Amino acid sequence: MPLLSSSCFVRLVRLVRLVRPVVLHAAVVCGDGRDLQVLHRRDWVTCGRHPEHSPACTVLGLTRGGRAEVVDDPRNAGVRVLRLHCGATDLRLVAPTESSTERALITQLGHRATD
């Protein structure tokens, strides 16, 4: 028997986020049609008010095949997840909905991106 019902769990998560907010960190997107470079935090979304020092740089070769999906983040409102599938690799890039970062990622991914 579960300790909490699903509705109680959802309320508890909302309460925790009021006290300890979720932060979606910024990213810098660059591309030249052949490569996509994203400078970001190791963890895209973190909890708490303390600074996060975990820079990461992801470089993708766009000349290789693969597809990309753009979906809403089920856990965070106003956040989109761009999932890139290329061979055995499954990469997730996170951006605020309708942001310049999301538009830049979709532009660089071109025909691969589907909603």
PDB file of N, CA and C in Angstrom:
ATOM      1  N   MET A   1       0.843  -1.174   0.000  1.00  0.00           N
ATOM      2  CA  MET A   1       0.000   0.000   0.000  1.00  0.00           C
ATOM      3  C   MET A   1       0.895   1.247   0.000  1.00  0.00           C
ATOM      4  N   PRO A   2       0.660   2.193  -0.930  1.00  0.00           N
ATOM      5  CA  PRO A   2       1.505   3.394  -0.986  1.00  0.00           C
ATOM      6  C   PRO A   2       1.305   4.285   0.232  1.00  0.00           C
ATOM      7  N   LEU A   3       2.377   4.997   0.594  1.00  0.00           N
ATOM      8  CA  LEU A   3       2.311   5.908   1.731  1.00  0.00           C
ATOM      9  C   LEU A   3       1.431   7.113   1.447  1.00  0.00           C
ATOM     10  N   LEU A   4       1.474   7.611   0.195  1.00  0.00           N
ATOM     11  CA  LEU A   4       0.694   8.781  -0.203  1.00  0.00           C
ATOM     12  C   LEU A   4      -0.104   8.467  -1.452  1.00  0.00           C
ATOM     13  N   SER A   5      -1.313   8.987  -1.526  1.00  0.00           N
ATOM     14  CA  SER A   5      -2.062   8.859  -2.769  1.00  0.00           C
ATOM     15  C   SER A   5      -1.438   9.789  -3.799  1.00  0.00           C
ATOM     16  N   SER A   6      -1.759   9.598  -5.066  1.00  0.00           N
ATOM     17  CA  SER A   6      -1.159  10.421  -6.121  1.00  0.00           C
ATOM     18  C   SER A   6      -1.536  11.893  -5.977  1.00  0.00           C
ATOM     19  N   SER A   7      -2.765  12.198  -5.560  1.00  0.00           N
ATOM     20  CA  SER A   7      -3.159  13.598  -5.388  1.00  0.00           C
ATOM     21  C   SER A   7      -2.421  14.236  -4.213  1.00  0.00           C
ATOM     22  N   CYS A   8      -2.196  13.490  -3.142  1.00  0.00           N
ATOM     23  CA  CYS A   8      -1.418  14.008  -2.004  1.00  0.00           C
ATOM     24  C   CYS A   8       0.031  14.239  -2.415  1.00  0.00           C
ATOM     25  N   PHE A   9       0.559  13.329  -3.220  1.00  0.00           N
ATOM     26  CA  PHE A   9       1.937  13.471  -3.679  1.00  0.00           C
ATOM     27  C   PHE A   9       2.088  14.736  -4.529  1.00  0.00           C
ATOM     28  N   VAL A  10       1.139  14.985  -5.433  1.00  0.00           N
ATOM     29  CA  VAL A  10       1.185  16.182  -6.277  1.00  0.00           C
ATOM     30  C   VAL A  10       1.135  17.440  -5.413  1.00  0.00           C
ATOM     31  N   ARG A  11       0.277  17.456  -4.417  1.00  0.00           N
ATOM     32  CA  ARG A  11       0.203  18.614  -3.509  1.00  0.00           C
ATOM     33  C   ARG A  11       1.498  18.796  -2.736  1.00  0.00           C
ATOM     34  N   LEU A  12       2.106  17.707  -2.323  1.00  0.00           N
ATOM     35  CA  LEU A  12       3.371  17.770  -1.597  1.00  0.00           C
ATOM     36  C   LEU A  12       4.477  18.331  -2.485  1.00  0.00           C
ATOM     37  N   VAL A  13       4.529  17.899  -3.732  1.00  0.00           N
ATOM     38  CA  VAL A  13       5.534  18.415  -4.675  1.00  0.00           C
ATOM     39  C   VAL A  13       5.343  19.914  -4.874  1.00  0.00           C
ATOM     40  N   ARG A  14       4.109  20.370  -5.031  1.00  0.00           N
ATOM     41  CA  ARG A  14       3.836  21.804  -5.191  1.00  0.00           C
ATOM     42  C   ARG A  14       4.268  22.594  -3.959  1.00  0.00           C
ATOM     43  N   LEU A  15       4.017  22.055  -2.789  1.00  0.00           N
ATOM     44  CA  LEU A  15       4.429  22.714  -1.556  1.00  0.00           C
ATOM     45  C   LEU A  15       5.951  22.811  -1.462  1.00  0.00           C
ATOM     46  N   VAL A  16       6.630  21.739  -1.792  1.00  0.00           N
ATOM     47  CA  VAL A  16       8.097  21.739  -1.758  1.00  0.00           C
ATOM     48  C   VAL A  16       8.641  22.764  -2.736  1.00  0.00           C
ATOM     49  N   ARG A  17       8.044  22.889  -3.911  1.00  0.00           N
ATOM     50  CA  ARG A  17       8.524  23.851  -4.901  1.00  0.00           C
ATOM     51  C   ARG A  17       8.257  25.296  -4.496  1.00  0.00           C
ATOM     52  N   LEU A  18       7.245  25.530  -3.667  1.00  0.00           N
ATOM     53  CA  LEU A  18       7.033  26.873  -3.141  1.00  0.00           C
ATOM     54  C   LEU A  18       8.165  27.264  -2.203  1.00  0.00           C
ATOM     55  N   VAL A  19       8.592  26.323  -1.397  1.00  0.00           N
ATOM     56  CA  VAL A  19       9.653  26.570  -0.431  1.00  0.00           C
ATOM     57  C   VAL A  19      11.022  26.496  -1.102  1.00  0.00           C
ATOM     58  N   ARG A  20      11.171  25.577  -2.025  1.00  0.00           N
ATOM     59  CA  ARG A  20      12.445  25.349  -2.702  1.00  0.00           C
ATOM     60  C   ARG A  20      12.187  25.366  -4.216  1.00  0.00           C
ATOM     61  N   PRO A  21      12.258  26.543  -4.837  1.00  0.00           N
ATOM     62  CA  PRO A  21      11.860  26.672  -6.247  1.00  0.00           C
ATOM     63  C   PRO A  21      12.787  25.927  -7.213  1.00  0.00           C
ATOM     64  N   VAL A  22      12.231  25.634  -8.371  1.00  0.00           N
ATOM     65  CA  VAL A  22      12.972  24.987  -9.444  1.00  0.00           C
ATOM     66  C   VAL A  22      13.540  26.067 -10.360  1.00  0.00           C
ATOM     67  N   VAL A  23      14.792  25.900 -10.764  1.00  0.00           N
ATOM     68  CA  VAL A  23      15.453  26.868 -11.636  1.00  0.00           C
ATOM     69  C   VAL A  23      15.835  26.186 -12.939  1.00  0.00           C
ATOM     70  N   LEU A  24      15.406  26.767 -14.062  1.00  0.00           N
ATOM     71  CA  LEU A  24      15.842  26.322 -15.384  1.00  0.00           C
ATOM     72  C   LEU A  24      16.979  27.247 -15.797  1.00  0.00           C
ATOM     73  N   HIS A  25      18.171  26.686 -15.945  1.00  0.00           N
ATOM     74  CA  HIS A  25      19.348  27.494 -16.229  1.00  0.00           C
ATOM     75  C   HIS A  25      19.421  27.878 -17.704  1.00  0.00           C
ATOM     76  N   ALA A  26      20.073  28.980 -17.960  1.00  0.00           N
ATOM     77  CA  ALA A  26      20.218  29.502 -19.323  1.00  0.00           C
ATOM     78  C   ALA A  26      21.172  28.629 -20.141  1.00  0.00           C
ATOM     79  N   ALA A  27      21.086  28.784 -21.451  1.00  0.00           N
ATOM     80  CA  ALA A  27      21.989  28.094 -22.363  1.00  0.00           C
ATOM     81  C   ALA A  27      22.331  29.037 -23.507  1.00  0.00           C
ATOM     82  N   VAL A  28      23.513  28.847 -24.060  1.00  0.00           N
ATOM     83  CA  VAL A  28      23.945  29.609 -25.232  1.00  0.00           C
ATOM     84  C   VAL A  28      24.012  28.628 -26.393  1.00  0.00           C
ATOM     85  N   VAL A  29      23.326  28.963 -27.498  1.00  0.00           N
ATOM     86  CA  VAL A  29      23.245  28.079 -28.658  1.00  0.00           C
ATOM     87  C   VAL A  29      23.963  28.723 -29.834  1.00  0.00           C
ATOM     88  N   CYS A  30      24.877  27.981 -30.455  1.00  0.00           N
ATOM     89  CA  CYS A  30      25.597  28.448 -31.646  1.00  0.00           C
ATOM     90  C   CYS A  30      25.568  27.336 -32.680  1.00  0.00           C
ATOM     91  N   GLY A  31      25.560  27.723 -33.934  1.00  0.00           N
ATOM     92  CA  GLY A  31      25.595  26.719 -34.983  1.00  0.00           C
ATOM     93  C   GLY A  31      25.974  27.321 -36.311  1.00  0.00           C
ATOM     94  N   ASP A  32      26.512  26.479 -37.185  1.00  0.00           N
ATOM     95  CA  ASP A  32      26.913  26.947 -38.510  1.00  0.00           C
ATOM     96  C   ASP A  32      26.333  26.071 -39.619  1.00  0.00           C
ATOM     97  N   GLY A  33      25.354  25.252 -39.298  1.00  0.00           N
ATOM     98  CA  GLY A  33      24.767  24.368 -40.294  1.00  0.00           C
ATOM     99  C   GLY A  33      25.402  22.988 -40.290  1.00  0.00           C
ATOM    100  N   ARG A  34      26.655  22.899 -39.851  1.00  0.00           N
ATOM    101  CA  ARG A  34      27.335  21.601 -39.754  1.00  0.00           C
ATOM    102  C   ARG A  34      27.377  21.101 -38.322  1.00  0.00           C
ATOM    103  N   ASP A  35      27.588  22.023 -37.389  1.00  0.00           N
ATOM    104  CA  ASP A  35      27.673  21.670 -35.973  1.00  0.00           C
ATOM    105  C   ASP A  35      26.726  22.537 -35.160  1.00  0.00           C
ATOM    106  N   LEU A  36      26.233  21.970 -34.075  1.00  0.00           N
ATOM    107  CA  LEU A  36      25.427  22.701 -33.099  1.00  0.00           C
ATOM    108  C   LEU A  36      26.188  22.646 -31.785  1.00  0.00           C
ATOM    109  N   GLN A  37      26.454  23.810 -31.205  1.00  0.00           N
ATOM    110  CA  GLN A  37      27.152  23.877 -29.925  1.00  0.00           C
ATOM    111  C   GLN A  37      26.228  24.513 -28.899  1.00  0.00           C
ATOM    112  N   VAL A  38      26.118  23.877 -27.756  1.00  0.00           N
ATOM    113  CA  VAL A  38      25.260  24.374 -26.687  1.00  0.00           C
ATOM    114  C   VAL A  38      26.107  24.442 -25.416  1.00  0.00           C
ATOM    115  N   LEU A  39      26.245  25.652 -24.878  1.00  0.00           N
ATOM    116  CA  LEU A  39      26.922  25.861 -23.603  1.00  0.00           C
ATOM    117  C   LEU A  39      25.831  25.942 -22.542  1.00  0.00           C
ATOM    118  N   HIS A  40      25.882  25.052 -21.556  1.00  0.00           N
ATOM    119  CA  HIS A  40      24.789  24.941 -20.591  1.00  0.00           C
ATOM    120  C   HIS A  40      25.311  24.425 -19.258  1.00  0.00           C
ATOM    121  N   ARG A  41      24.427  24.264 -18.312  1.00  0.00           N
ATOM    122  CA  ARG A  41      24.756  23.635 -17.035  1.00  0.00           C
ATOM    123  C   ARG A  41      24.658  22.125 -17.200  1.00  0.00           C
ATOM    124  N   ARG A  42      25.406  21.396 -16.400  1.00  0.00           N
ATOM    125  CA  ARG A  42      25.330  19.937 -16.463  1.00  0.00           C
ATOM    126  C   ARG A  42      23.904  19.475 -16.190  1.00  0.00           C
ATOM    127  N   ASP A  43      23.300  20.045 -15.153  1.00  0.00           N
ATOM    128  CA  ASP A  43      21.908  19.756 -14.826  1.00  0.00           C
ATOM    129  C   ASP A  43      21.070  20.937 -15.292  1.00  0.00           C
ATOM    130  N   TRP A  44      20.187  20.705 -16.248  1.00  0.00           N
ATOM    131  CA  TRP A  44      19.393  21.784 -16.830  1.00  0.00           C
ATOM    132  C   TRP A  44      18.473  22.424 -15.808  1.00  0.00           C
ATOM    133  N   VAL A  45      17.846  21.597 -14.970  1.00  0.00           N
ATOM    134  CA  VAL A  45      16.878  22.077 -13.987  1.00  0.00           C
ATOM    135  C   VAL A  45      17.379  21.670 -12.607  1.00  0.00           C
ATOM    136  N   THR A  46      17.456  22.653 -11.700  1.00  0.00           N
ATOM    137  CA  THR A  46      17.899  22.364 -10.338  1.00  0.00           C
ATOM    138  C   THR A  46      16.905  22.948  -9.338  1.00  0.00           C
ATOM    139  N   CYS A  47      16.993  22.495  -8.107  1.00  0.00           N
ATOM    140  CA  CYS A  47      16.155  23.013  -7.028  1.00  0.00           C
ATOM    141  C   CYS A  47      17.005  23.845  -6.088  1.00  0.00           C
ATOM    142  N   GLY A  48      16.387  24.832  -5.484  1.00  0.00           N
ATOM    143  CA  GLY A  48      17.077  25.621  -4.479  1.00  0.00           C
ATOM    144  C   GLY A  48      17.499  26.978  -4.985  1.00  0.00           C
ATOM    145  N   ARG A  49      18.009  27.772  -4.066  1.00  0.00           N
ATOM    146  CA  ARG A  49      18.385  29.143  -4.373  1.00  0.00           C
ATOM    147  C   ARG A  49      19.895  29.341  -4.459  1.00  0.00           C
ATOM    148  N   HIS A  50      20.659  28.298  -4.289  1.00  0.00           N
ATOM    149  CA  HIS A  50      22.110  28.417  -4.302  1.00  0.00           C
ATOM    150  C   HIS A  50      22.647  28.388  -5.730  1.00  0.00           C
ATOM    151  N   PRO A  51      23.748  29.105  -6.010  1.00  0.00           N
ATOM    152  CA  PRO A  51      24.313  29.098  -7.357  1.00  0.00           C
ATOM    153  C   PRO A  51      24.776  27.699  -7.761  1.00  0.00           C
ATOM    154  N   GLU A  52      24.650  27.415  -9.009  1.00  0.00           N
ATOM    155  CA  GLU A  52      25.044  26.127  -9.561  1.00  0.00           C
ATOM    156  C   GLU A  52      26.260  26.337 -10.453  1.00  0.00           C
ATOM    157  N   HIS A  53      27.361  25.671 -10.136  1.00  0.00           N
ATOM    158  CA  HIS A  53      28.593  25.828 -10.911  1.00  0.00           C
ATOM    159  C   HIS A  53      28.922  24.497 -11.577  1.00  0.00           C
ATOM    160  N   SER A  54      28.338  24.273 -12.739  1.00  0.00           N
ATOM    161  CA  SER A  54      28.560  23.014 -13.441  1.00  0.00           C
ATOM    162  C   SER A  54      28.461  23.225 -14.948  1.00  0.00           C
ATOM    163  N   PRO A  55      29.373  24.023 -15.521  1.00  0.00           N
ATOM    164  CA  PRO A  55      29.268  24.282 -16.957  1.00  0.00           C
ATOM    165  C   PRO A  55      29.531  23.025 -17.784  1.00  0.00           C
ATOM    166  N   ALA A  56      28.834  22.956 -18.907  1.00  0.00           N
ATOM    167  CA  ALA A  56      29.009  21.851 -19.846  1.00  0.00           C
ATOM    168  C   ALA A  56      28.875  22.397 -21.258  1.00  0.00           C
ATOM    169  N   CYS A  57      29.528  21.753 -22.180  1.00  0.00           N
ATOM    170  CA  CYS A  57      29.427  22.136 -23.591  1.00  0.00           C
ATOM    171  C   CYS A  57      29.094  20.887 -24.394  1.00  0.00           C
ATOM    172  N   THR A  58      27.993  20.949 -25.115  1.00  0.00           N
ATOM    173  CA  THR A  58      27.572  19.836 -25.957  1.00  0.00           C
ATOM    174  C   THR A  58      27.755  20.248 -27.409  1.00  0.00           C
ATOM    175  N   VAL A  59      28.446  19.418 -28.185  1.00  0.00           N
ATOM    176  CA  VAL A  59      28.670  19.684 -29.605  1.00  0.00           C
ATOM    177  C   VAL A  59      28.074  18.525 -30.392  1.00  0.00           C
ATOM    178  N   LEU A  60      27.190  18.865 -31.327  1.00  0.00           N
ATOM    179  CA  LEU A  60      26.537  17.855 -32.157  1.00  0.00           C
ATOM    180  C   LEU A  60      26.898  18.078 -33.616  1.00  0.00           C
ATOM    181  N   GLY A  61      27.287  17.029 -34.286  1.00  0.00           N
ATOM    182  CA  GLY A  61      27.500  17.097 -35.724  1.00  0.00           C
ATOM    183  C   GLY A  61      26.166  16.954 -36.430  1.00  0.00           C
ATOM    184  N   LEU A  62      25.715  18.007 -37.102  1.00  0.00           N
ATOM    185  CA  LEU A  62      24.405  17.982 -37.749  1.00  0.00           C
ATOM    186  C   LEU A  62      24.410  17.265 -39.089  1.00  0.00           C
ATOM    187  N   THR A  63      25.581  16.956 -39.612  1.00  0.00           N
ATOM    188  CA  THR A  63      25.635  16.279 -40.905  1.00  0.00           C
ATOM    189  C   THR A  63      25.248  14.813 -40.781  1.00  0.00           C
ATOM    190  N   ARG A  64      25.278  14.284 -39.567  1.00  0.00           N
ATOM    191  CA  ARG A  64      24.844  12.904 -39.359  1.00  0.00           C
ATOM    192  C   ARG A  64      23.322  12.847 -39.338  1.00  0.00           C
ATOM    193  N   GLY A  65      22.798  11.692 -39.625  1.00  0.00           N
ATOM    194  CA  GLY A  65      21.347  11.516 -39.628  1.00  0.00           C
ATOM    195  C   GLY A  65      20.779  11.589 -38.231  1.00  0.00           C
ATOM    196  N   GLY A  66      19.531  11.309 -38.106  1.00  0.00           N
ATOM    197  CA  GLY A  66      18.877  11.325 -36.800  1.00  0.00           C
ATOM    198  C   GLY A  66      17.630  12.171 -36.856  1.00  0.00           C
ATOM    199  N   ARG A  67      16.877  12.093 -35.801  1.00  0.00           N
ATOM    200  CA  ARG A  67      15.651  12.881 -35.736  1.00  0.00           C
ATOM    201  C   ARG A  67      15.567  13.559 -34.380  1.00  0.00           C
ATOM    202  N   ALA A  68      14.724  14.549 -34.318  1.00  0.00           N
ATOM    203  CA  ALA A  68      14.544  15.306 -33.073  1.00  0.00           C
ATOM    204  C   ALA A  68      13.056  15.471 -32.802  1.00  0.00           C
ATOM    205  N   GLU A  69      12.699  15.403 -31.537  1.00  0.00           N
ATOM    206  CA  GLU A  69      11.320  15.622 -31.110  1.00  0.00           C
ATOM    207  C   GLU A  69      11.302  16.804 -30.152  1.00  0.00           C
ATOM    208  N   VAL A  70      10.270  17.601 -30.253  1.00  0.00           N
ATOM    209  CA  VAL A  70      10.071  18.709 -29.328  1.00  0.00           C
ATOM    210  C   VAL A  70       8.805  18.407 -28.541  1.00  0.00           C
ATOM    211  N   VAL A  71       8.945  18.252 -27.219  1.00  0.00           N
ATOM    212  CA  VAL A  71       7.804  17.898 -26.368  1.00  0.00           C
ATOM    213  C   VAL A  71       7.786  18.799 -25.135  1.00  0.00           C
ATOM    214  N   ASP A  72       6.605  18.955 -24.546  1.00  0.00           N
ATOM    215  CA  ASP A  72       6.487  19.685 -23.287  1.00  0.00           C
ATOM    216  C   ASP A  72       7.064  18.837 -22.163  1.00  0.00           C
ATOM    217  N   ASP A  73       7.743  19.485 -21.224  1.00  0.00           N
ATOM    218  CA  ASP A  73       8.273  18.795 -20.055  1.00  0.00           C
ATOM    219  C   ASP A  73       7.102  18.443 -19.141  1.00  0.00           C
ATOM    220  N   PRO A  74       6.900  17.168 -18.823  1.00  0.00           N
ATOM    221  CA  PRO A  74       5.753  16.788 -18.002  1.00  0.00           C
ATOM    222  C   PRO A  74       5.860  17.257 -16.549  1.00  0.00           C
ATOM    223  N   ARG A  75       7.078  17.558 -16.082  1.00  0.00           N
ATOM    224  CA  ARG A  75       7.255  17.933 -14.675  1.00  0.00           C
ATOM    225  C   ARG A  75       7.321  19.431 -14.449  1.00  0.00           C
ATOM    226  N   ASN A  76       7.635  20.209 -15.483  1.00  0.00           N
ATOM    227  CA  ASN A  76       7.833  21.649 -15.312  1.00  0.00           C
ATOM    228  C   ASN A  76       7.037  22.414 -16.360  1.00  0.00           C
ATOM    229  N   ALA A  77       6.098  23.234 -15.902  1.00  0.00           N
ATOM    230  CA  ALA A  77       5.272  24.034 -16.805  1.00  0.00           C
ATOM    231  C   ALA A  77       6.133  25.084 -17.501  1.00  0.00           C
ATOM    232  N   GLY A  78       5.850  25.334 -18.781  1.00  0.00           N
ATOM    233  CA  GLY A  78       6.572  26.358 -19.522  1.00  0.00           C
ATOM    234  C   GLY A  78       7.950  25.943 -19.979  1.00  0.00           C
ATOM    235  N   VAL A  79       8.202  24.638 -19.992  1.00  0.00           N
ATOM    236  CA  VAL A  79       9.514  24.118 -20.386  1.00  0.00           C
ATOM    237  C   VAL A  79       9.327  23.108 -21.510  1.00  0.00           C
ATOM    238  N   ARG A  80      10.182  23.200 -22.525  1.00  0.00           N
ATOM    239  CA  ARG A  80      10.158  22.255 -23.646  1.00  0.00           C
ATOM    240  C   ARG A  80      11.432  21.428 -23.625  1.00  0.00           C
ATOM    241  N   VAL A  81      11.313  20.174 -24.012  1.00  0.00           N
ATOM    242  CA  VAL A  81      12.454  19.264 -24.090  1.00  0.00           C
ATOM    243  C   VAL A  81      12.642  18.889 -25.552  1.00  0.00           C
ATOM    244  N   LEU A  82      13.853  19.108 -26.064  1.00  0.00           N
ATOM    245  CA  LEU A  82      14.193  18.706 -27.424  1.00  0.00           C
ATOM    246  C   LEU A  82      15.009  17.437 -27.319  1.00  0.00           C
ATOM    247  N   ARG A  83      14.429  16.337 -27.743  1.00  0.00           N
ATOM    248  CA  ARG A  83      15.097  15.041 -27.669  1.00  0.00           C
ATOM    249  C   ARG A  83      15.693  14.721 -29.023  1.00  0.00           C
ATOM    250  N   LEU A  84      16.992  14.496 -29.032  1.00  0.00           N
ATOM    251  CA  LEU A  84      17.707  14.192 -30.266  1.00  0.00           C
ATOM    252  C   LEU A  84      18.069  12.715 -30.267  1.00  0.00           C
ATOM    253  N   HIS A  85      17.706  12.018 -31.334  1.00  0.00           N
ATOM    254  CA  HIS A  85      17.991  10.596 -31.475  1.00  0.00           C
ATOM    255  C   HIS A  85      18.931  10.421 -32.661  1.00  0.00           C
ATOM    256  N   CYS A  86      20.109   9.912 -32.396  1.00  0.00           N
ATOM    257  CA  CYS A  86      21.078   9.649 -33.467  1.00  0.00           C
ATOM    258  C   CYS A  86      21.799   8.356 -33.127  1.00  0.00           C
ATOM    259  N   GLY A  87      21.447   7.283 -33.801  1.00  0.00           N
ATOM    260  CA  GLY A  87      22.017   5.983 -33.480  1.00  0.00           C
ATOM    261  C   GLY A  87      21.611   5.558 -32.079  1.00  0.00           C
ATOM    262  N   ALA A  88      22.588   5.196 -31.261  1.00  0.00           N
ATOM    263  CA  ALA A  88      22.322   4.770 -29.892  1.00  0.00           C
ATOM    264  C   ALA A  88      22.246   5.948 -28.926  1.00  0.00           C
ATOM    265  N   THR A  89      22.493   7.150 -29.425  1.00  0.00           N
ATOM    266  CA  THR A  89      22.515   8.336 -28.569  1.00  0.00           C
ATOM    267  C   THR A  89      21.124   8.946 -28.452  1.00  0.00           C
ATOM    268  N   ASP A  90      20.750   9.276 -27.230  1.00  0.00           N
ATOM    269  CA  ASP A  90      19.489   9.968 -26.953  1.00  0.00           C
ATOM    270  C   ASP A  90      19.841  11.158 -26.080  1.00  0.00           C
ATOM    271  N   LEU A  91      19.864  12.348 -26.668  1.00  0.00           N
ATOM    272  CA  LEU A  91      20.274  13.557 -25.967  1.00  0.00           C
ATOM    273  C   LEU A  91      19.063  14.447 -25.733  1.00  0.00           C
ATOM    274  N   ARG A  92      18.995  15.052 -24.560  1.00  0.00           N
ATOM    275  CA  ARG A  92      17.889  15.941 -24.216  1.00  0.00           C
ATOM    276  C   ARG A  92      18.423  17.337 -23.960  1.00  0.00           C
ATOM    277  N   LEU A  93      17.847  18.312 -24.662  1.00  0.00           N
ATOM    278  CA  LEU A  93      18.161  19.722 -24.466  1.00  0.00           C
ATOM    279  C   LEU A  93      16.895  20.396 -23.960  1.00  0.00           C
ATOM    280  N   VAL A  94      17.026  21.277 -22.979  1.00  0.00           N
ATOM    281  CA  VAL A  94      15.870  21.864 -22.313  1.00  0.00           C
ATOM    282  C   VAL A  94      15.879  23.374 -22.527  1.00  0.00           C
ATOM    283  N   ALA A  95      14.689  23.936 -22.811  1.00  0.00           N
ATOM    284  CA  ALA A  95      14.576  25.385 -23.035  1.00  0.00           C
ATOM    285  C   ALA A  95      13.188  25.860 -22.620  1.00  0.00           C
ATOM    286  N   PRO A  96      13.086  27.128 -22.216  1.00  0.00           N
ATOM    287  CA  PRO A  96      11.758  27.674 -21.925  1.00  0.00           C
ATOM    288  C   PRO A  96      10.901  27.693 -23.189  1.00  0.00           C
ATOM    289  N   THR A  97       9.609  27.466 -23.034  1.00  0.00           N
ATOM    290  CA  THR A  97       8.678  27.481 -24.159  1.00  0.00           C
ATOM    291  C   THR A  97       8.678  28.852 -24.831  1.00  0.00           C
ATOM    292  N   GLU A  98       8.707  28.857 -26.163  1.00  0.00           N
ATOM    293  CA  GLU A  98       8.662  30.078 -26.980  1.00  0.00           C
ATOM    294  C   GLU A  98       9.839  31.027 -26.718  1.00  0.00           C
ATOM    295  N   SER A  99      10.963  30.505 -26.232  1.00  0.00           N
ATOM    296  CA  SER A  99      12.126  31.348 -25.959  1.00  0.00           C
ATOM    297  C   SER A  99      13.034  31.421 -27.192  1.00  0.00           C
ATOM    298  N   SER A 100      13.967  32.361 -27.159  1.00  0.00           N
ATOM    299  CA  SER A 100      14.935  32.464 -28.248  1.00  0.00           C
ATOM    300  C   SER A 100      15.822  31.220 -28.287  1.00  0.00           C
ATOM    301  N   THR A 101      16.067  30.603 -27.145  1.00  0.00           N
ATOM    302  CA  THR A 101      16.862  29.370 -27.113  1.00  0.00           C
ATOM    303  C   THR A 101      16.126  28.245 -27.825  1.00  0.00           C
ATOM    304  N   GLU A 102      14.845  28.102 -27.550  1.00  0.00           N
ATOM    305  CA  GLU A 102      14.063  27.057 -28.222  1.00  0.00           C
ATOM    306  C   GLU A 102      14.033  27.303 -29.730  1.00  0.00           C
ATOM    307  N   ARG A 103      13.805  28.549 -30.143  1.00  0.00           N
ATOM    308  CA  ARG A 103      13.758  28.864 -31.575  1.00  0.00           C
ATOM    309  C   ARG A 103      15.112  28.594 -32.241  1.00  0.00           C
ATOM    310  N   ALA A 104      16.209  28.940 -31.559  1.00  0.00           N
ATOM    311  CA  ALA A 104      17.540  28.707 -32.128  1.00  0.00           C
ATOM    312  C   ALA A 104      17.815  27.209 -32.284  1.00  0.00           C
ATOM    313  N   LEU A 105      17.436  26.431 -31.297  1.00  0.00           N
ATOM    314  CA  LEU A 105      17.639  24.981 -31.395  1.00  0.00           C
ATOM    315  C   LEU A 105      16.826  24.388 -32.537  1.00  0.00           C
ATOM    316  N   ILE A 106      15.564  24.779 -32.639  1.00  0.00           N
ATOM    317  CA  ILE A 106      14.709  24.254 -33.709  1.00  0.00           C
ATOM    318  C   ILE A 106      15.230  24.696 -35.072  1.00  0.00           C
ATOM    319  N   THR A 107      15.688  25.943 -35.180  1.00  0.00           N
ATOM    320  CA  THR A 107      16.245  26.430 -36.443  1.00  0.00           C
ATOM    321  C   THR A 107      17.471  25.629 -36.842  1.00  0.00           C
ATOM    322  N   GLN A 108      18.363  25.386 -35.898  1.00  0.00           N
ATOM    323  CA  GLN A 108      19.585  24.638 -36.198  1.00  0.00           C
ATOM    324  C   GLN A 108      19.290  23.176 -36.541  1.00  0.00           C
ATOM    325  N   LEU A 109      18.262  22.600 -35.915  1.00  0.00           N
ATOM    326  CA  LEU A 109      17.930  21.203 -36.185  1.00  0.00           C
ATOM    327  C   LEU A 109      17.182  21.037 -37.498  1.00  0.00           C
ATOM    328  N   GLY A 110      16.603  22.128 -37.998  1.00  0.00           N
ATOM    329  CA  GLY A 110      15.953  22.102 -39.312  1.00  0.00           C
ATOM    330  C   GLY A 110      14.862  21.087 -39.422  1.00  0.00           C
ATOM    331  N   HIS A 111      14.920  20.290 -40.482  1.00  0.00           N
ATOM    332  CA  HIS A 111      13.863  19.333 -40.795  1.00  0.00           C
ATOM    333  C   HIS A 111      13.789  18.177 -39.795  1.00  0.00           C
ATOM    334  N   ARG A 112      14.792  18.010 -38.953  1.00  0.00           N
ATOM    335  CA  ARG A 112      14.784  16.903 -37.991  1.00  0.00           C
ATOM    336  C   ARG A 112      13.754  17.104 -36.882  1.00  0.00           C
ATOM    337  N   ALA A 113      13.449  18.382 -36.549  1.00  0.00           N
ATOM    338  CA  ALA A 113      12.594  18.687 -35.398  1.00  0.00           C
ATOM    339  C   ALA A 113      11.126  18.487 -35.745  1.00  0.00           C
ATOM    340  N   THR A 114      10.437  17.718 -34.920  1.00  0.00           N
ATOM    341  CA  THR A 114       8.997  17.504 -35.078  1.00  0.00           C
ATOM    342  C   THR A 114       8.313  17.740 -33.751  1.00  0.00           C
ATOM    343  N   ASP A 115       7.101  18.260 -33.802  1.00  0.00           N
ATOM    344  CA  ASP A 115       6.305  18.461 -32.583  1.00  0.00           C
ATOM    345  C   ASP A 115       5.502  17.222 -32.274  1.00  0.00           C
TER     346      ASP A 115
END
